[in-house]
Amino acid sequence: MEKLLSNSTITLRAIEPTDLDLLYRRENDTDLWAVTNTHAPYSRQMLWQYLQSYTGDIYASQEVRFVVTLTGTGEAVGLLELMHFDPFNNRAELGLCIFGEYRGKGYGRQALRLIEGYAARHIGLKQIYVMIQSSNADCLALFKSEGYREVGILEAWVKRGNTYHDTVLLQHQLF
C-alpha cells in the first residue's frame, strides 16, 4: 500500500533548516527566475530566517513546501510546494521543480501524484492549478498527461530580458 507522501521510489518530506544549501541553490538559479518571478538573489541569511519561521501550516501561511527525495537514499531531487492556498474555495497553486540532472526519470510525475493524493485526502483541496510558460513543452506535456486541463492563456505574462512570453493556466479537479 502506498503511503500518503511516499512510494517505493520517491518521498515528499517537510523542508527543514538543514535544507539551507538546497534552497540557496534553487532560489539563486537565474535560469529559474522567470518561472519563480524572482528578481534578485537571496542571501543565506534571508533563507535561514525563512526556514526558522516556516511552520508548514498551510492554513497559517497559505503554503506548504516539500523536498522531493529518493526513498532509498534520501537524496534530494527537487522541490514542490502548494501555494496561494484558498481554504474557502479549496484550491491551491502547485509549484514543482525537479533538478536538472534528475529530469526525465519520472520523479516529477510521481511527485505530482503523491501531492495530489495528499492535497485531496489530507487538506481537502478540490482543485490544483499550475501556471507554465508556453515555451516549456516538457512541463506542459507532463501536466496534460496527468489530467490537467488548459483553461487559459495569460498573454505576455512573463518578461525575460526585453521580451514577454505567454503563460498557460492549467487546472486539475481532484474530486
N, C-alpha and C. Protein backbone atom coordinates (compact mmCIF):
# COMPACT_ATOMS: atom_id res chain seq x y z
N MET A 1 0.84 -1.18 0.00
CA MET A 1 0.00 0.00 0.00
C MET A 1 0.89 1.25 0.00
N GLU A 2 0.55 2.21 -0.83
CA GLU A 2 1.31 3.45 -0.92
C GLU A 2 0.97 4.36 0.26
N LYS A 3 2.00 4.91 0.88
CA LYS A 3 1.79 5.85 1.97
C LYS A 3 1.37 7.20 1.39
N LEU A 4 0.92 8.09 2.25
CA LEU A 4 0.41 9.38 1.82
C LEU A 4 1.46 10.22 1.10
N LEU A 5 2.70 10.24 1.58
CA LEU A 5 3.73 11.11 0.99
C LEU A 5 4.93 10.34 0.46
N SER A 6 4.79 9.05 0.19
CA SER A 6 5.92 8.32 -0.36
C SER A 6 5.44 7.09 -1.13
N ASN A 7 6.31 6.65 -2.01
CA ASN A 7 6.13 5.37 -2.68
C ASN A 7 7.48 4.67 -2.69
N SER A 8 7.64 3.63 -3.46
CA SER A 8 8.90 2.89 -3.42
C SER A 8 10.06 3.66 -4.03
N THR A 9 9.78 4.74 -4.79
CA THR A 9 10.83 5.49 -5.49
C THR A 9 11.12 6.83 -4.85
N ILE A 10 10.08 7.60 -4.55
CA ILE A 10 10.28 8.95 -4.02
C ILE A 10 9.47 9.19 -2.75
N THR A 11 9.95 10.16 -1.99
CA THR A 11 9.28 10.60 -0.77
C THR A 11 9.20 12.12 -0.80
N LEU A 12 8.07 12.65 -0.37
CA LEU A 12 7.93 14.09 -0.17
C LEU A 12 8.09 14.32 1.33
N ARG A 13 9.15 15.02 1.68
CA ARG A 13 9.38 15.28 3.11
C ARG A 13 9.32 16.78 3.37
N ALA A 14 9.05 17.11 4.61
CA ALA A 14 8.98 18.52 5.00
C ALA A 14 10.34 19.18 4.79
N ILE A 15 10.29 20.44 4.44
CA ILE A 15 11.51 21.23 4.31
C ILE A 15 12.04 21.51 5.71
N GLU A 16 13.35 21.48 5.87
CA GLU A 16 13.98 21.62 7.18
C GLU A 16 15.06 22.68 7.14
N PRO A 17 15.47 23.20 8.30
CA PRO A 17 16.57 24.17 8.32
C PRO A 17 17.86 23.63 7.68
N THR A 18 18.07 22.32 7.73
CA THR A 18 19.26 21.75 7.12
C THR A 18 19.21 21.81 5.59
N ASP A 19 18.10 22.24 5.02
CA ASP A 19 17.96 22.38 3.57
C ASP A 19 18.42 23.75 3.08
N LEU A 20 19.11 24.50 3.91
CA LEU A 20 19.55 25.84 3.54
C LEU A 20 20.32 25.84 2.22
N ASP A 21 21.30 24.97 2.06
CA ASP A 21 22.09 24.96 0.83
C ASP A 21 21.24 24.59 -0.38
N LEU A 22 20.30 23.68 -0.19
CA LEU A 22 19.39 23.28 -1.27
C LEU A 22 18.54 24.47 -1.72
N LEU A 23 17.96 25.18 -0.78
CA LEU A 23 17.16 26.37 -1.11
C LEU A 23 18.02 27.46 -1.74
N TYR A 24 19.20 27.65 -1.19
CA TYR A 24 20.10 28.68 -1.72
C TYR A 24 20.42 28.41 -3.19
N ARG A 25 20.68 27.14 -3.51
CA ARG A 25 20.97 26.76 -4.89
C ARG A 25 19.77 27.02 -5.80
N ARG A 26 18.59 26.63 -5.36
CA ARG A 26 17.39 26.77 -6.19
C ARG A 26 16.97 28.23 -6.34
N GLU A 27 16.91 28.95 -5.25
CA GLU A 27 16.42 30.32 -5.28
C GLU A 27 17.37 31.25 -6.04
N ASN A 28 18.63 30.88 -6.14
CA ASN A 28 19.60 31.73 -6.82
C ASN A 28 20.00 31.20 -8.20
N ASP A 29 19.25 30.23 -8.71
CA ASP A 29 19.46 29.72 -10.06
C ASP A 29 18.75 30.68 -11.02
N THR A 30 19.52 31.51 -11.69
CA THR A 30 18.93 32.56 -12.54
C THR A 30 18.13 31.98 -13.70
N ASP A 31 18.37 30.72 -14.07
CA ASP A 31 17.57 30.10 -15.13
C ASP A 31 16.12 29.90 -14.68
N LEU A 32 15.89 29.84 -13.39
CA LEU A 32 14.54 29.63 -12.85
C LEU A 32 13.82 30.93 -12.50
N TRP A 33 14.52 32.04 -12.52
CA TRP A 33 13.91 33.29 -12.06
C TRP A 33 12.68 33.68 -12.86
N ALA A 34 12.65 33.44 -14.14
CA ALA A 34 11.47 33.79 -14.93
C ALA A 34 10.26 32.96 -14.53
N VAL A 35 10.51 31.75 -14.07
CA VAL A 35 9.43 30.86 -13.64
C VAL A 35 8.94 31.23 -12.25
N THR A 36 9.86 31.62 -11.39
CA THR A 36 9.51 31.88 -9.99
C THR A 36 9.26 33.35 -9.69
N ASN A 37 9.33 34.19 -10.70
CA ASN A 37 9.16 35.64 -10.52
C ASN A 37 10.16 36.23 -9.53
N THR A 38 11.36 35.70 -9.53
CA THR A 38 12.43 36.21 -8.69
C THR A 38 13.18 37.28 -9.47
N HIS A 39 13.57 38.35 -8.78
CA HIS A 39 14.24 39.46 -9.46
C HIS A 39 15.62 39.77 -8.92
N ALA A 40 15.97 39.14 -7.79
CA ALA A 40 17.28 39.38 -7.18
C ALA A 40 17.66 38.15 -6.37
N PRO A 41 18.94 37.93 -6.16
CA PRO A 41 19.36 36.76 -5.39
C PRO A 41 18.95 36.86 -3.92
N TYR A 42 18.82 35.70 -3.31
CA TYR A 42 18.53 35.61 -1.88
C TYR A 42 19.83 35.33 -1.14
N SER A 43 20.02 35.97 -0.01
CA SER A 43 21.19 35.70 0.82
C SER A 43 20.91 34.47 1.68
N ARG A 44 21.97 33.85 2.15
CA ARG A 44 21.81 32.71 3.07
C ARG A 44 21.07 33.15 4.34
N GLN A 45 21.34 34.37 4.80
CA GLN A 45 20.68 34.86 6.00
C GLN A 45 19.16 34.98 5.78
N MET A 46 18.76 35.53 4.65
CA MET A 46 17.32 35.65 4.36
C MET A 46 16.65 34.29 4.32
N LEU A 47 17.29 33.33 3.66
CA LEU A 47 16.73 31.99 3.57
C LEU A 47 16.73 31.29 4.93
N TRP A 48 17.77 31.52 5.75
CA TRP A 48 17.82 30.94 7.08
C TRP A 48 16.67 31.48 7.93
N GLN A 49 16.42 32.77 7.84
CA GLN A 49 15.30 33.36 8.59
C GLN A 49 13.98 32.77 8.13
N TYR A 50 13.83 32.57 6.83
CA TYR A 50 12.61 31.95 6.31
C TYR A 50 12.46 30.54 6.90
N LEU A 51 13.52 29.74 6.84
CA LEU A 51 13.46 28.37 7.35
C LEU A 51 13.17 28.34 8.84
N GLN A 52 13.70 29.30 9.58
CA GLN A 52 13.48 29.35 11.03
C GLN A 52 12.02 29.67 11.36
N SER A 53 11.37 30.46 10.52
CA SER A 53 9.99 30.85 10.81
C SER A 53 8.96 29.97 10.10
N TYR A 54 9.40 29.13 9.19
CA TYR A 54 8.48 28.29 8.42
C TYR A 54 7.82 27.26 9.33
N THR A 55 6.50 27.18 9.28
CA THR A 55 5.77 26.26 10.14
C THR A 55 5.23 25.04 9.41
N GLY A 56 5.06 25.15 8.10
CA GLY A 56 4.46 24.05 7.36
C GLY A 56 2.95 23.99 7.53
N ASP A 57 2.38 25.00 8.17
CA ASP A 57 0.93 25.05 8.39
C ASP A 57 0.29 25.81 7.23
N ILE A 58 -0.31 25.07 6.31
CA ILE A 58 -0.88 25.68 5.11
C ILE A 58 -2.01 26.64 5.46
N TYR A 59 -2.67 26.43 6.58
CA TYR A 59 -3.76 27.32 6.97
C TYR A 59 -3.25 28.66 7.49
N ALA A 60 -2.06 28.65 8.08
CA ALA A 60 -1.50 29.89 8.62
C ALA A 60 -0.75 30.69 7.57
N SER A 61 -0.03 30.02 6.69
CA SER A 61 0.84 30.73 5.75
C SER A 61 0.39 30.64 4.29
N GLN A 62 -0.67 29.91 4.03
CA GLN A 62 -1.18 29.68 2.67
C GLN A 62 -0.18 28.94 1.78
N GLU A 63 0.79 28.25 2.38
CA GLU A 63 1.73 27.44 1.61
C GLU A 63 2.24 26.28 2.44
N VAL A 64 2.65 25.24 1.73
CA VAL A 64 3.35 24.13 2.34
C VAL A 64 4.38 23.66 1.32
N ARG A 65 5.62 23.43 1.80
CA ARG A 65 6.73 23.09 0.90
C ARG A 65 7.29 21.72 1.27
N PHE A 66 7.73 21.02 0.24
CA PHE A 66 8.31 19.69 0.40
C PHE A 66 9.61 19.59 -0.38
N VAL A 67 10.48 18.71 0.08
CA VAL A 67 11.66 18.32 -0.68
C VAL A 67 11.32 16.95 -1.28
N VAL A 68 11.53 16.81 -2.58
CA VAL A 68 11.32 15.54 -3.26
C VAL A 68 12.63 14.77 -3.13
N THR A 69 12.57 13.60 -2.48
CA THR A 69 13.78 12.81 -2.25
C THR A 69 13.61 11.40 -2.79
N LEU A 70 14.73 10.75 -3.03
CA LEU A 70 14.71 9.34 -3.39
C LEU A 70 14.45 8.55 -2.11
N THR A 71 13.49 7.66 -2.16
CA THR A 71 13.07 6.93 -0.96
C THR A 71 14.22 6.11 -0.37
N GLY A 72 15.01 5.47 -1.19
CA GLY A 72 16.07 4.61 -0.69
C GLY A 72 17.24 5.34 -0.06
N THR A 73 17.58 6.51 -0.59
CA THR A 73 18.79 7.20 -0.14
C THR A 73 18.53 8.53 0.57
N GLY A 74 17.37 9.11 0.37
CA GLY A 74 17.08 10.42 0.93
C GLY A 74 17.67 11.56 0.12
N GLU A 75 18.28 11.24 -1.02
CA GLU A 75 18.89 12.27 -1.88
C GLU A 75 17.82 13.19 -2.44
N ALA A 76 18.03 14.49 -2.32
CA ALA A 76 17.07 15.48 -2.81
C ALA A 76 17.15 15.57 -4.34
N VAL A 77 15.99 15.45 -4.99
CA VAL A 77 15.92 15.54 -6.45
C VAL A 77 15.06 16.71 -6.91
N GLY A 78 14.40 17.39 -5.98
CA GLY A 78 13.57 18.51 -6.37
C GLY A 78 12.85 19.14 -5.19
N LEU A 79 12.06 20.14 -5.51
CA LEU A 79 11.24 20.85 -4.53
C LEU A 79 9.82 20.95 -5.07
N LEU A 80 8.87 20.96 -4.16
CA LEU A 80 7.46 21.03 -4.53
C LEU A 80 6.75 21.88 -3.49
N GLU A 81 5.79 22.68 -3.95
CA GLU A 81 5.04 23.48 -2.99
C GLU A 81 3.60 23.67 -3.45
N LEU A 82 2.74 23.76 -2.46
CA LEU A 82 1.37 24.23 -2.67
C LEU A 82 1.37 25.64 -2.11
N MET A 83 0.91 26.59 -2.92
CA MET A 83 0.96 27.99 -2.50
C MET A 83 -0.35 28.68 -2.90
N HIS A 84 -0.51 29.87 -2.44
CA HIS A 84 -1.74 30.64 -2.69
C HIS A 84 -2.97 29.81 -2.32
N PHE A 85 -2.85 29.11 -1.21
CA PHE A 85 -3.93 28.26 -0.71
C PHE A 85 -5.15 29.11 -0.39
N ASP A 86 -6.28 28.69 -0.92
CA ASP A 86 -7.55 29.35 -0.69
C ASP A 86 -8.48 28.35 -0.01
N PRO A 87 -8.57 28.38 1.34
CA PRO A 87 -9.39 27.39 2.04
C PRO A 87 -10.88 27.53 1.80
N PHE A 88 -11.34 28.70 1.45
CA PHE A 88 -12.77 28.88 1.18
C PHE A 88 -13.17 28.13 -0.09
N ASN A 89 -12.37 28.27 -1.14
CA ASN A 89 -12.66 27.63 -2.42
C ASN A 89 -11.93 26.29 -2.60
N ASN A 90 -11.17 25.88 -1.60
CA ASN A 90 -10.46 24.60 -1.61
C ASN A 90 -9.59 24.42 -2.85
N ARG A 91 -8.69 25.39 -3.06
CA ARG A 91 -7.77 25.29 -4.20
C ARG A 91 -6.42 25.87 -3.80
N ALA A 92 -5.40 25.48 -4.58
CA ALA A 92 -4.05 26.00 -4.37
C ALA A 92 -3.29 25.89 -5.69
N GLU A 93 -2.27 26.74 -5.80
CA GLU A 93 -1.36 26.67 -6.94
C GLU A 93 -0.25 25.69 -6.60
N LEU A 94 0.20 24.95 -7.58
CA LEU A 94 1.27 23.98 -7.41
C LEU A 94 2.53 24.48 -8.08
N GLY A 95 3.65 24.35 -7.39
CA GLY A 95 4.95 24.63 -7.97
C GLY A 95 5.81 23.38 -7.84
N LEU A 96 6.42 22.95 -8.92
CA LEU A 96 7.24 21.74 -8.93
C LEU A 96 8.53 22.03 -9.67
N CYS A 97 9.64 21.71 -9.04
CA CYS A 97 10.95 21.87 -9.67
C CYS A 97 11.76 20.61 -9.42
N ILE A 98 11.99 19.86 -10.48
CA ILE A 98 12.90 18.73 -10.40
C ILE A 98 14.24 19.23 -10.92
N PHE A 99 15.29 18.99 -10.15
CA PHE A 99 16.61 19.50 -10.52
C PHE A 99 17.07 18.87 -11.83
N GLY A 100 17.77 19.67 -12.64
CA GLY A 100 18.15 19.31 -14.00
C GLY A 100 18.65 17.91 -14.21
N GLU A 101 19.57 17.45 -13.39
CA GLU A 101 20.16 16.14 -13.59
C GLU A 101 19.21 14.99 -13.29
N TYR A 102 18.06 15.29 -12.68
CA TYR A 102 17.09 14.25 -12.33
C TYR A 102 15.85 14.27 -13.23
N ARG A 103 15.80 15.21 -14.15
CA ARG A 103 14.63 15.31 -15.04
C ARG A 103 14.61 14.14 -16.03
N GLY A 104 13.40 13.80 -16.46
CA GLY A 104 13.23 12.74 -17.44
C GLY A 104 13.28 11.34 -16.85
N LYS A 105 13.23 11.22 -15.52
CA LYS A 105 13.30 9.91 -14.87
C LYS A 105 11.98 9.53 -14.21
N GLY A 106 10.95 10.35 -14.38
CA GLY A 106 9.65 10.05 -13.81
C GLY A 106 9.43 10.57 -12.40
N TYR A 107 10.42 11.25 -11.83
CA TYR A 107 10.27 11.75 -10.46
C TYR A 107 9.21 12.84 -10.36
N GLY A 108 9.13 13.70 -11.36
CA GLY A 108 8.13 14.76 -11.35
C GLY A 108 6.72 14.19 -11.40
N ARG A 109 6.52 13.20 -12.25
CA ARG A 109 5.20 12.55 -12.37
C ARG A 109 4.80 11.90 -11.04
N GLN A 110 5.74 11.20 -10.41
CA GLN A 110 5.44 10.54 -9.14
C GLN A 110 5.17 11.56 -8.03
N ALA A 111 5.96 12.63 -8.01
CA ALA A 111 5.74 13.68 -7.01
C ALA A 111 4.36 14.31 -7.20
N LEU A 112 3.99 14.53 -8.44
CA LEU A 112 2.69 15.11 -8.75
C LEU A 112 1.56 14.22 -8.23
N ARG A 113 1.67 12.94 -8.46
CA ARG A 113 0.63 12.01 -7.99
C ARG A 113 0.56 11.97 -6.46
N LEU A 114 1.72 12.01 -5.81
CA LEU A 114 1.72 11.99 -4.34
C LEU A 114 1.10 13.27 -3.77
N ILE A 115 1.46 14.42 -4.33
CA ILE A 115 0.93 15.67 -3.78
C ILE A 115 -0.56 15.79 -4.04
N GLU A 116 -1.03 15.26 -5.15
CA GLU A 116 -2.47 15.29 -5.42
C GLU A 116 -3.23 14.46 -4.38
N GLY A 117 -2.70 13.28 -4.05
CA GLY A 117 -3.34 12.45 -3.03
C GLY A 117 -3.35 13.13 -1.68
N TYR A 118 -2.22 13.74 -1.32
CA TYR A 118 -2.12 14.48 -0.06
C TYR A 118 -3.09 15.65 -0.05
N ALA A 119 -3.12 16.40 -1.13
CA ALA A 119 -3.97 17.60 -1.21
C ALA A 119 -5.45 17.23 -1.10
N ALA A 120 -5.85 16.16 -1.75
CA ALA A 120 -7.26 15.76 -1.73
C ALA A 120 -7.64 15.11 -0.40
N ARG A 121 -6.86 14.13 0.04
CA ARG A 121 -7.23 13.35 1.22
C ARG A 121 -6.91 14.04 2.53
N HIS A 122 -5.84 14.78 2.59
CA HIS A 122 -5.43 15.35 3.88
C HIS A 122 -5.88 16.80 4.06
N ILE A 123 -5.78 17.60 2.99
CA ILE A 123 -6.16 19.02 3.09
C ILE A 123 -7.60 19.24 2.62
N GLY A 124 -8.10 18.38 1.77
CA GLY A 124 -9.45 18.52 1.25
C GLY A 124 -9.55 19.46 0.07
N LEU A 125 -8.43 19.63 -0.67
CA LEU A 125 -8.49 20.50 -1.85
C LEU A 125 -9.36 19.88 -2.93
N LYS A 126 -10.14 20.72 -3.57
CA LYS A 126 -10.95 20.29 -4.71
C LYS A 126 -10.16 20.41 -6.01
N GLN A 127 -9.30 21.42 -6.08
CA GLN A 127 -8.56 21.62 -7.32
C GLN A 127 -7.19 22.22 -7.08
N ILE A 128 -6.32 21.90 -8.03
CA ILE A 128 -4.96 22.44 -8.08
C ILE A 128 -4.81 23.11 -9.43
N TYR A 129 -4.08 24.22 -9.45
CA TYR A 129 -3.79 24.84 -10.73
C TYR A 129 -2.30 25.12 -10.85
N VAL A 130 -1.84 25.18 -12.08
CA VAL A 130 -0.44 25.49 -12.37
C VAL A 130 -0.39 26.55 -13.46
N MET A 131 0.68 27.32 -13.42
CA MET A 131 0.93 28.32 -14.44
C MET A 131 2.30 28.00 -15.05
N ILE A 132 2.31 27.66 -16.34
CA ILE A 132 3.52 27.19 -17.00
C ILE A 132 3.77 28.03 -18.24
N GLN A 133 4.99 28.48 -18.42
CA GLN A 133 5.31 29.25 -19.62
C GLN A 133 5.06 28.40 -20.87
N SER A 134 4.49 29.02 -21.87
CA SER A 134 4.09 28.29 -23.08
C SER A 134 5.28 27.65 -23.78
N SER A 135 6.48 28.14 -23.55
CA SER A 135 7.67 27.57 -24.18
C SER A 135 8.19 26.32 -23.46
N ASN A 136 7.64 25.99 -22.30
CA ASN A 136 8.10 24.84 -21.52
C ASN A 136 7.30 23.60 -21.92
N ALA A 137 7.61 23.09 -23.10
CA ALA A 137 6.85 21.98 -23.69
C ALA A 137 6.88 20.72 -22.82
N ASP A 138 8.01 20.39 -22.24
CA ASP A 138 8.10 19.17 -21.43
C ASP A 138 7.20 19.27 -20.20
N CYS A 139 7.20 20.40 -19.55
CA CYS A 139 6.39 20.58 -18.35
C CYS A 139 4.89 20.57 -18.71
N LEU A 140 4.55 21.25 -19.78
CA LEU A 140 3.15 21.24 -20.23
C LEU A 140 2.70 19.82 -20.56
N ALA A 141 3.55 19.06 -21.24
CA ALA A 141 3.20 17.68 -21.61
C ALA A 141 2.98 16.83 -20.37
N LEU A 142 3.84 16.99 -19.35
CA LEU A 142 3.69 16.24 -18.11
C LEU A 142 2.32 16.50 -17.47
N PHE A 143 2.00 17.77 -17.26
CA PHE A 143 0.76 18.10 -16.58
C PHE A 143 -0.46 17.69 -17.40
N LYS A 144 -0.42 17.90 -18.70
CA LYS A 144 -1.56 17.50 -19.54
C LYS A 144 -1.74 15.98 -19.51
N SER A 145 -0.65 15.23 -19.51
CA SER A 145 -0.75 13.77 -19.48
C SER A 145 -1.29 13.27 -18.14
N GLU A 146 -1.22 14.10 -17.11
CA GLU A 146 -1.74 13.75 -15.79
C GLU A 146 -3.14 14.32 -15.54
N GLY A 147 -3.79 14.77 -16.60
CA GLY A 147 -5.18 15.20 -16.48
C GLY A 147 -5.41 16.67 -16.21
N TYR A 148 -4.37 17.47 -16.26
CA TYR A 148 -4.54 18.92 -16.10
C TYR A 148 -5.06 19.48 -17.41
N ARG A 149 -6.06 20.31 -17.30
CA ARG A 149 -6.74 20.85 -18.48
C ARG A 149 -6.37 22.32 -18.67
N GLU A 150 -6.01 22.64 -19.88
CA GLU A 150 -5.69 24.03 -20.21
C GLU A 150 -6.97 24.85 -20.16
N VAL A 151 -6.97 25.90 -19.34
CA VAL A 151 -8.17 26.72 -19.19
C VAL A 151 -7.95 28.17 -19.61
N GLY A 152 -6.72 28.50 -19.97
CA GLY A 152 -6.49 29.87 -20.42
C GLY A 152 -5.04 30.14 -20.74
N ILE A 153 -4.85 31.24 -21.46
CA ILE A 153 -3.53 31.73 -21.79
C ILE A 153 -3.42 33.15 -21.22
N LEU A 154 -2.38 33.36 -20.45
CA LEU A 154 -2.10 34.70 -19.94
C LEU A 154 -1.06 35.29 -20.90
N GLU A 155 -1.52 36.17 -21.74
CA GLU A 155 -0.67 36.70 -22.81
C GLU A 155 0.38 37.67 -22.28
N ALA A 156 1.60 37.52 -22.81
CA ALA A 156 2.72 38.39 -22.44
C ALA A 156 2.84 38.51 -20.92
N TRP A 157 2.74 37.42 -20.21
CA TRP A 157 2.65 37.38 -18.76
C TRP A 157 4.00 37.47 -18.07
N VAL A 158 5.04 36.89 -18.69
CA VAL A 158 6.36 36.82 -18.08
C VAL A 158 7.37 37.53 -18.97
N LYS A 159 8.16 38.38 -18.34
CA LYS A 159 9.19 39.12 -19.07
C LYS A 159 10.55 38.45 -18.89
N ARG A 160 11.20 38.17 -19.99
CA ARG A 160 12.58 37.66 -19.98
C ARG A 160 13.39 38.61 -20.84
N GLY A 161 14.30 39.29 -20.21
CA GLY A 161 15.06 40.31 -20.94
C GLY A 161 14.10 41.40 -21.38
N ASN A 162 14.03 41.62 -22.67
CA ASN A 162 13.11 42.63 -23.21
C ASN A 162 11.92 42.02 -23.93
N THR A 163 11.72 40.72 -23.74
CA THR A 163 10.65 40.00 -24.44
C THR A 163 9.65 39.46 -23.43
N TYR A 164 8.38 39.53 -23.79
CA TYR A 164 7.31 38.99 -22.95
C TYR A 164 6.85 37.65 -23.52
N HIS A 165 6.52 36.72 -22.61
CA HIS A 165 6.13 35.38 -23.00
C HIS A 165 4.77 35.02 -22.40
N ASP A 166 4.04 34.21 -23.13
CA ASP A 166 2.74 33.74 -22.65
C ASP A 166 2.90 32.68 -21.57
N THR A 167 1.91 32.59 -20.71
CA THR A 167 1.84 31.57 -19.67
C THR A 167 0.53 30.83 -19.82
N VAL A 168 0.60 29.51 -19.70
CA VAL A 168 -0.58 28.65 -19.82
C VAL A 168 -1.09 28.35 -18.43
N LEU A 169 -2.37 28.51 -18.22
CA LEU A 169 -3.02 28.20 -16.97
C LEU A 169 -3.71 26.84 -17.13
N LEU A 170 -3.33 25.91 -16.26
CA LEU A 170 -3.93 24.57 -16.29
C LEU A 170 -4.56 24.29 -14.93
N GLN A 171 -5.62 23.51 -14.95
CA GLN A 171 -6.40 23.24 -13.76
C GLN A 171 -6.68 21.75 -13.68
N HIS A 172 -6.70 21.22 -12.46
CA HIS A 172 -7.00 19.81 -12.27
C HIS A 172 -7.97 19.65 -11.12
N GLN A 173 -9.07 18.98 -11.38
CA GLN A 173 -10.07 18.71 -10.35
C GLN A 173 -9.67 17.42 -9.61
N LEU A 174 -9.52 17.50 -8.30
CA LEU A 174 -9.10 16.35 -7.52
C LEU A 174 -10.26 15.43 -7.15
N PHE A 175 -11.45 16.01 -7.04
CA PHE A 175 -12.66 15.20 -6.79
C PHE A 175 -13.86 15.93 -7.28
